[in-house]
Structure formats: structure tokens, C-alpha cells
């Protein structure tokens, strides 16, 4: 099915903002459309079409921020901000690959690898789990 693009003012992230009479607040056009069909939700709404202006409820699914981040990685929507191309990166993609090859899953290994590469154990966990895209 085709995207149905909302018109109006887009916020800094590219989402169209509209007034929600139920909450008497600004919301996104796609959330207002979802709520008109499915009712209110506290979930994050994800665009399966990757079009932030789309308000077609058939293109929306509920999920979490983690789901949304996985979508971004899976669909290569991070662009040049991922991996060593991120201007905040402290290691190279080669270092991440080396870390992954060294990781065996032993207790305490995340911490020791973090010390070796100069990053936190959480960062190492992200590298070995694939949350870091190289």
C-alpha cells in the first residue's frame, strides 16, 4: 500500500506535527492517525515504510525504542554516523572485529576487553552482540 503523507510543519526530526484534540497537545500526524483507528497507545510507533511523513496506519507498528534502533541498523538508516565514520568513535572497525574474534563469553571477559580497548563493558557487549554496525 502507498504512503499517505501528512502535510504541515515538520519538527527537527522530520515528523509532521498536528494538534490532538483528545490530549489538547501537539503530537505527530502518524500517532493521531493510529489513535483514530486503534485508540491511544503508550508504545513507540515505528514506520515500516521509513517515511516520517507517512500517516498510513497500515505502515505503522507498535514497538520499543530498542525495536526502532534495530530497524535503523537493519535498514542501514544510520548512514555515515555508524561505526568509525561516527565522529564520536574512539576505535576503528578493525578493533571491533578483533574484539569480536577475541570474545569467548567467559565471565568477566566484557570488563577485561573493555580495559584492553579503552571502553566500557557495555560498549564491548554492544560490539559482540552486533548492536555496533561495522
C-alpha atoms as a PDB file:
ATOM      1  CA  UNK A   1       0.000   0.000   0.000  1.00  0.00           C
ATOM      2  CA  UNK A   2       1.119   3.532  -0.720  1.00  0.00           C
ATOM      3  CA  UNK A   3       2.250   6.049   1.867  1.00  0.00           C
ATOM      4  CA  UNK A   4      -0.235   8.733   2.839  1.00  0.00           C
ATOM      5  CA  UNK A   5       1.882  11.782   3.565  1.00  0.00           C
ATOM      6  CA  UNK A   6       0.672  14.344   6.054  1.00  0.00           C
ATOM      7  CA  UNK A   7       1.210  17.986   5.231  1.00  0.00           C
ATOM      8  CA  UNK A   8       2.111  20.724   7.647  1.00  0.00           C
ATOM      9  CA  UNK A   9       5.005  21.752   9.821  1.00  0.00           C
ATOM     10  CA  UNK A  10       7.723  19.145  10.300  1.00  0.00           C
ATOM     11  CA  UNK A  11       9.711  19.099  13.532  1.00  0.00           C
ATOM     12  CA  UNK A  12      13.527  18.958  13.595  1.00  0.00           C
ATOM     13  CA  UNK A  13      13.378  15.170  13.123  1.00  0.00           C
ATOM     14  CA  UNK A  14      11.098  15.364  10.057  1.00  0.00           C
ATOM     15  CA  UNK A  15       7.805  14.306  11.678  1.00  0.00           C
ATOM     16  CA  UNK A  16       4.663  16.319  10.870  1.00  0.00           C
ATOM     17  CA  UNK A  17       3.203  17.923  13.996  1.00  0.00           C
ATOM     18  CA  UNK A  18      -0.554  18.318  14.473  1.00  0.00           C
ATOM     19  CA  UNK A  19      -2.949  19.212  17.284  1.00  0.00           C
ATOM     20  CA  UNK A  20      -4.535  16.314  19.163  1.00  0.00           C
ATOM     21  CA  UNK A  21      -7.969  17.403  20.434  1.00  0.00           C
ATOM     22  CA  UNK A  22      -8.132  14.487  22.890  1.00  0.00           C
ATOM     23  CA  UNK A  23      -4.962  15.470  24.744  1.00  0.00           C
ATOM     24  CA  UNK A  24      -5.120  19.174  23.795  1.00  0.00           C
ATOM     25  CA  UNK A  25      -1.435  18.964  22.848  1.00  0.00           C
ATOM     26  CA  UNK A  26       0.775  18.741  19.786  1.00  0.00           C
ATOM     27  CA  UNK A  27       1.510  15.235  18.559  1.00  0.00           C
ATOM     28  CA  UNK A  28       2.716  13.637  15.363  1.00  0.00           C
ATOM     29  CA  UNK A  29       0.341  13.099  12.448  1.00  0.00           C
ATOM     30  CA  UNK A  30       1.081   9.375  12.361  1.00  0.00           C
ATOM     31  CA  UNK A  31       0.272   8.981  16.080  1.00  0.00           C
ATOM     32  CA  UNK A  32      -3.017  10.867  15.645  1.00  0.00           C
ATOM     33  CA  UNK A  33      -3.924   8.610  12.696  1.00  0.00           C
ATOM     34  CA  UNK A  34      -3.011   5.480  14.690  1.00  0.00           C
ATOM     35  CA  UNK A  35      -5.096   6.580  17.665  1.00  0.00           C
ATOM     36  CA  UNK A  36      -8.087   7.340  15.422  1.00  0.00           C
ATOM     37  CA  UNK A  37      -8.075   3.714  14.255  1.00  0.00           C
ATOM     38  CA  UNK A  38      -6.612   1.733  17.180  1.00  0.00           C
ATOM     39  CA  UNK A  39      -7.060   4.010  20.194  1.00  0.00           C
ATOM     40  CA  UNK A  40      -4.400   5.583  22.397  1.00  0.00           C
ATOM     41  CA  UNK A  41      -1.092   3.806  22.926  1.00  0.00           C
ATOM     42  CA  UNK A  42       1.956   4.459  25.033  1.00  0.00           C
ATOM     43  CA  UNK A  43       4.116   2.439  22.637  1.00  0.00           C
ATOM     44  CA  UNK A  44       6.533   3.939  20.195  1.00  0.00           C
ATOM     45  CA  UNK A  45       5.098   3.781  16.666  1.00  0.00           C
ATOM     46  CA  UNK A  46       7.506   2.530  14.011  1.00  0.00           C
ATOM     47  CA  UNK A  47       7.207   3.267  10.293  1.00  0.00           C
ATOM     48  CA  UNK A  48       7.668   0.104   8.234  1.00  0.00           C
ATOM     49  CA  UNK A  49       7.991   2.371   5.186  1.00  0.00           C
ATOM     50  CA  UNK A  50      10.714   4.562   6.767  1.00  0.00           C
ATOM     51  CA  UNK A  51       8.773   7.675   5.692  1.00  0.00           C
ATOM     52  CA  UNK A  52       8.435  10.021   8.675  1.00  0.00           C
ATOM     53  CA  UNK A  53       5.653  11.990   6.976  1.00  0.00           C
ATOM     54  CA  UNK A  54       3.561   8.870   6.349  1.00  0.00           C
ATOM     55  CA  UNK A  55       0.332   8.584   8.351  1.00  0.00           C
ATOM     56  CA  UNK A  56      -0.925   5.377   6.743  1.00  0.00           C
ATOM     57  CA  UNK A  57      -1.782   3.175   9.739  1.00  0.00           C
ATOM     58  CA  UNK A  58      -1.029   0.063   7.665  1.00  0.00           C
ATOM     59  CA  UNK A  59       2.600   1.240   7.625  1.00  0.00           C
ATOM     60  CA  UNK A  60       2.804   1.609  11.421  1.00  0.00           C
ATOM     61  CA  UNK A  61       3.596  -0.972  14.077  1.00  0.00           C
ATOM     62  CA  UNK A  62       3.949  -0.645  17.812  1.00  0.00           C
ATOM     63  CA  UNK A  63       7.306  -1.315  19.407  1.00  0.00           C
ATOM     64  CA  UNK A  64      10.022  -0.163  21.747  1.00  0.00           C
ATOM     65  CA  UNK A  65      12.965   2.173  21.300  1.00  0.00           C
ATOM     66  CA  UNK A  66      15.173  -0.930  21.080  1.00  0.00           C
ATOM     67  CA  UNK A  67      12.988  -2.218  18.210  1.00  0.00           C
ATOM     68  CA  UNK A  68      13.303   1.141  16.493  1.00  0.00           C
ATOM     69  CA  UNK A  69      17.099   1.150  16.835  1.00  0.00           C
ATOM     70  CA  UNK A  70      17.240  -2.388  15.446  1.00  0.00           C
ATOM     71  CA  UNK A  71      15.133  -1.224  12.493  1.00  0.00           C
ATOM     72  CA  UNK A  72      17.622   1.586  11.890  1.00  0.00           C
ATOM     73  CA  UNK A  73      20.543  -0.839  11.897  1.00  0.00           C
ATOM     74  CA  UNK A  74      18.781  -3.472   9.777  1.00  0.00           C
ATOM     75  CA  UNK A  75      17.707  -0.902   7.179  1.00  0.00           C
ATOM     76  CA  UNK A  76      21.024   0.984   7.129  1.00  0.00           C
ATOM     77  CA  UNK A  77      19.362   4.246   8.146  1.00  0.00           C
ATOM     78  CA  UNK A  78      22.292   5.354  10.272  1.00  0.00           C
ATOM     79  CA  UNK A  79      24.194   6.445   7.200  1.00  0.00           C
ATOM     80  CA  UNK A  80      27.731   7.609   7.893  1.00  0.00           C
ATOM     81  CA  UNK A  81      27.024   8.020  11.592  1.00  0.00           C
ATOM     82  CA  UNK A  82      27.703   4.348  12.291  1.00  0.00           C
ATOM     83  CA  UNK A  83      30.991   2.674  13.057  1.00  0.00           C
ATOM     84  CA  UNK A  84      34.264   4.509  12.707  1.00  0.00           C
ATOM     85  CA  UNK A  85      32.558   7.106  10.493  1.00  0.00           C
ATOM     86  CA  UNK A  86      30.829   8.439  13.598  1.00  0.00           C
ATOM     87  CA  UNK A  87      32.814  11.487  14.694  1.00  0.00           C
ATOM     88  CA  UNK A  88      32.481  10.292  18.304  1.00  0.00           C
ATOM     89  CA  UNK A  89      34.079   6.894  17.574  1.00  0.00           C
ATOM     90  CA  UNK A  90      37.124   6.103  19.712  1.00  0.00           C
ATOM     91  CA  UNK A  91      38.168   2.892  17.945  1.00  0.00           C
ATOM     92  CA  UNK A  92      38.293   1.596  14.406  1.00  0.00           C
ATOM     93  CA  UNK A  93      36.023  -1.000  12.844  1.00  0.00           C
ATOM     94  CA  UNK A  94      39.121  -3.229  12.729  1.00  0.00           C
ATOM     95  CA  UNK A  95      39.373  -3.020  16.543  1.00  0.00           C
ATOM     96  CA  UNK A  96      35.720  -4.018  16.871  1.00  0.00           C
ATOM     97  CA  UNK A  97      36.275  -7.013  14.590  1.00  0.00           C
ATOM     98  CA  UNK A  98      39.329  -8.001  16.647  1.00  0.00           C
ATOM     99  CA  UNK A  99      37.354  -7.693  19.866  1.00  0.00           C
ATOM    100  CA  UNK A 100      34.604  -9.908  18.462  1.00  0.00           C
ATOM    101  CA  UNK A 101      37.148 -12.558  17.481  1.00  0.00           C
ATOM    102  CA  UNK A 102      38.686 -12.490  20.978  1.00  0.00           C
ATOM    103  CA  UNK A 103      35.381 -12.732  22.819  1.00  0.00           C
ATOM    104  CA  UNK A 104      34.521 -16.221  24.073  1.00  0.00           C
ATOM    105  CA  UNK A 105      31.689 -15.401  26.505  1.00  0.00           C
ATOM    106  CA  UNK A 106      33.648 -16.147  29.674  1.00  0.00           C
ATOM    107  CA  UNK A 107      32.672 -14.448  32.923  1.00  0.00           C
ATOM    108  CA  UNK A 108      34.461 -11.122  33.383  1.00  0.00           C
ATOM    109  CA  UNK A 109      35.574 -11.019  29.785  1.00  0.00           C
ATOM    110  CA  UNK A 110      33.496  -7.943  28.877  1.00  0.00           C
ATOM    111  CA  UNK A 111      35.319  -5.956  31.561  1.00  0.00           C
ATOM    112  CA  UNK A 112      38.787  -7.178  30.592  1.00  0.00           C
ATOM    113  CA  UNK A 113      38.192  -6.490  26.887  1.00  0.00           C
ATOM    114  CA  UNK A 114      36.809  -3.068  27.814  1.00  0.00           C
ATOM    115  CA  UNK A 115      40.049  -2.248  29.615  1.00  0.00           C
ATOM    116  CA  UNK A 116      42.107  -3.514  26.675  1.00  0.00           C
ATOM    117  CA  UNK A 117      40.221  -1.347  24.157  1.00  0.00           C
ATOM    118  CA  UNK A 118      39.659   1.614  26.488  1.00  0.00           C
ATOM    119  CA  UNK A 119      35.867   1.434  26.511  1.00  0.00           C
ATOM    120  CA  UNK A 120      33.158   0.305  28.937  1.00  0.00           C
ATOM    121  CA  UNK A 121      31.966  -3.276  29.338  1.00  0.00           C
ATOM    122  CA  UNK A 122      28.578  -2.132  27.937  1.00  0.00           C
ATOM    123  CA  UNK A 123      30.313  -0.948  24.771  1.00  0.00           C
ATOM    124  CA  UNK A 124      32.037  -4.324  24.440  1.00  0.00           C
ATOM    125  CA  UNK A 125      28.673  -6.042  24.955  1.00  0.00           C
ATOM    126  CA  UNK A 126      27.228  -3.929  22.115  1.00  0.00           C
ATOM    127  CA  UNK A 127      30.153  -4.808  19.864  1.00  0.00           C
ATOM    128  CA  UNK A 128      29.926  -8.559  20.380  1.00  0.00           C
ATOM    129  CA  UNK A 129      26.117  -8.627  20.201  1.00  0.00           C
ATOM    130  CA  UNK A 130      26.114  -6.872  16.846  1.00  0.00           C
ATOM    131  CA  UNK A 131      24.454  -3.679  18.076  1.00  0.00           C
ATOM    132  CA  UNK A 132      27.513  -1.879  16.686  1.00  0.00           C
ATOM    133  CA  UNK A 133      27.389  -1.997  12.895  1.00  0.00           C
ATOM    134  CA  UNK A 134      30.746  -2.121  11.166  1.00  0.00           C
END
